[in-house]
Protein backbone atom coordinates (compact mmCIF):
# COMPACT_ATOMS: atom_id res chain seq x y z
CA UNK A 1 -32.07 -2.74 29.94
CA UNK A 2 -33.09 -0.94 26.80
CA UNK A 3 -32.98 -1.21 23.16
CA UNK A 4 -32.72 1.06 20.30
CA UNK A 5 -33.90 -0.14 16.91
CA UNK A 6 -35.54 0.94 13.77
CA UNK A 7 -35.84 0.56 9.84
CA UNK A 8 -33.75 1.83 7.26
CA UNK A 9 -36.32 2.17 4.38
CA UNK A 10 -36.67 3.58 0.69
CA UNK A 11 -39.00 6.60 1.46
CA UNK A 12 -40.58 7.26 -2.01
CA UNK A 13 -42.53 9.88 -1.40
CA UNK A 14 -40.11 11.87 1.08
CA UNK A 15 -42.99 12.02 4.00
CA UNK A 16 -40.56 10.50 6.79
CA UNK A 17 -42.98 7.26 6.92
CA UNK A 18 -42.76 4.06 6.10
CA UNK A 19 -45.84 3.39 3.61
CA UNK A 20 -47.43 0.65 2.01
CA UNK A 21 -45.10 -0.60 -0.27
CA UNK A 22 -42.01 0.94 1.11
CA UNK A 23 -39.06 -1.11 1.13
CA UNK A 24 -36.09 -1.88 3.65
CA UNK A 25 -32.54 -1.52 2.79
CA UNK A 26 -30.31 -4.39 3.59
CA UNK A 27 -26.77 -3.92 4.60
CA UNK A 28 -27.03 -0.53 5.95
CA UNK A 29 -24.26 0.54 8.28
CA UNK A 30 -25.77 1.70 11.63
CA UNK A 31 -23.58 3.37 14.72
CA UNK A 32 -24.83 3.78 18.00
CA UNK A 33 -23.28 6.86 20.02
CA UNK A 34 -23.66 6.88 23.88
CA UNK A 35 -23.69 11.09 24.79
CA UNK A 36 -20.93 11.35 28.03
CA UNK A 37 -19.94 14.39 29.56
CA UNK A 38 -16.86 14.71 27.28
CA UNK A 39 -18.96 13.74 24.17
CA UNK A 40 -20.43 11.29 21.77
CA UNK A 41 -18.69 7.67 22.01
CA UNK A 42 -19.42 4.84 19.44
CA UNK A 43 -20.47 1.95 21.23
CA UNK A 44 -21.56 -0.29 18.55
CA UNK A 45 -22.11 -0.51 14.52
CA UNK A 46 -24.25 -3.23 12.92
CA UNK A 47 -25.92 -3.59 9.47
CA UNK A 48 -29.26 -3.70 9.00
CA UNK A 49 -30.90 -7.29 7.81
CA UNK A 50 -32.38 -8.62 5.10
CA UNK A 51 -35.77 -6.44 5.95
CA UNK A 52 -33.69 -3.14 6.83
CA UNK A 53 -34.15 -3.41 10.46
CA UNK A 54 -31.51 -2.93 13.25
CA UNK A 55 -31.75 -2.99 17.08
CA UNK A 56 -29.51 -2.42 19.93
CA UNK A 57 -30.05 -4.07 22.92
CA UNK A 58 -29.31 -4.55 26.24
CA UNK A 59 -28.42 -0.93 26.82
CA UNK A 60 -27.83 1.43 30.13
CA UNK A 61 -30.13 4.09 30.63
CA UNK A 62 -28.52 7.31 28.87
CA UNK A 63 -28.87 9.50 26.04
CA UNK A 64 -27.87 7.89 22.30
CA UNK A 65 -27.57 8.97 19.05
CA UNK A 66 -28.14 6.65 16.00
CA UNK A 67 -26.22 7.55 12.93
CA UNK A 68 -26.04 5.74 9.59
CA UNK A 69 -22.51 6.55 8.22
CA UNK A 70 -21.81 8.39 5.12
CA UNK A 71 -19.59 5.51 4.04
CA UNK A 72 -23.13 3.99 2.86
CA UNK A 73 -23.63 6.48 0.29
CA UNK A 74 -20.21 5.84 -1.35
CA UNK A 75 -20.38 3.68 -4.77
CA UNK A 76 -21.35 0.43 -4.69
CA UNK A 77 -23.08 0.81 -1.29
CA UNK A 78 -26.51 0.22 -0.30
CA UNK A 79 -27.53 3.79 -0.31
CA UNK A 80 -25.94 4.89 -3.36
CA UNK A 81 -28.28 7.33 -5.16
CA UNK A 82 -30.23 7.60 -2.43
CA UNK A 83 -30.83 11.21 0.01
CA UNK A 84 -32.28 11.30 3.40
CA UNK A 85 -35.78 11.86 3.85
CA UNK A 86 -35.24 14.91 5.23
CA UNK A 87 -33.91 16.31 1.54
CA UNK A 88 -30.62 16.77 3.44
CA UNK A 89 -27.16 16.46 1.74
CA UNK A 90 -25.73 17.73 5.04
CA UNK A 91 -22.42 16.44 6.30
CA UNK A 92 -23.48 13.87 8.64
CA UNK A 93 -20.20 13.85 10.45
CA UNK A 94 -20.52 17.49 11.55
CA UNK A 95 -24.02 16.90 11.95
CA UNK A 96 -23.47 14.39 14.89
CA UNK A 97 -21.10 16.69 16.21
CA UNK A 98 -22.77 19.42 16.49
CA UNK A 99 -25.80 17.50 18.40
CA UNK A 100 -23.45 16.04 20.82
CA UNK A 101 -22.00 19.48 21.55
CA UNK A 102 -25.54 20.93 22.18
CA UNK A 103 -26.26 18.05 24.25
CA UNK A 104 -23.05 18.66 26.13
CA UNK A 105 -23.74 22.48 26.62
CA UNK A 106 -27.44 22.27 27.77
CA UNK A 107 -27.96 18.60 29.08
CA UNK A 108 -31.82 17.69 29.92
CA UNK A 109 -32.67 16.66 33.48
CA UNK A 110 -34.71 13.54 32.72
CA UNK A 111 -36.54 13.89 36.00
CA UNK A 112 -37.29 17.45 35.51
CA UNK A 113 -38.62 18.48 38.91
CA UNK A 114 -39.29 22.03 38.77
CA UNK A 115 -43.05 21.88 37.68
CA UNK A 116 -42.59 23.52 34.78
């Protein structure tokens, strides 16, 4: 079995790395999607723990996308007044759909034996 986990944190210097003093954000909704032949399918949803961590475990092998939903950025929710470390402002739902479509159109062969 496989697992995917990480941390949602305040990236004070916007470098995409967890530096000393940067704190995790609790209560952030994180959705796990599996990429299938027909698109992305949400398979689990969790909230980050008190330290901003999340973990999806006992997963079957496959291609996954982890999404921090736009819902989290609404008023009175954990990410209100924050933006993605990438400076984003992009529509997360559209971005997820775009990634899923690209993965369907050009699937990656994990055991690529072409020697390239």
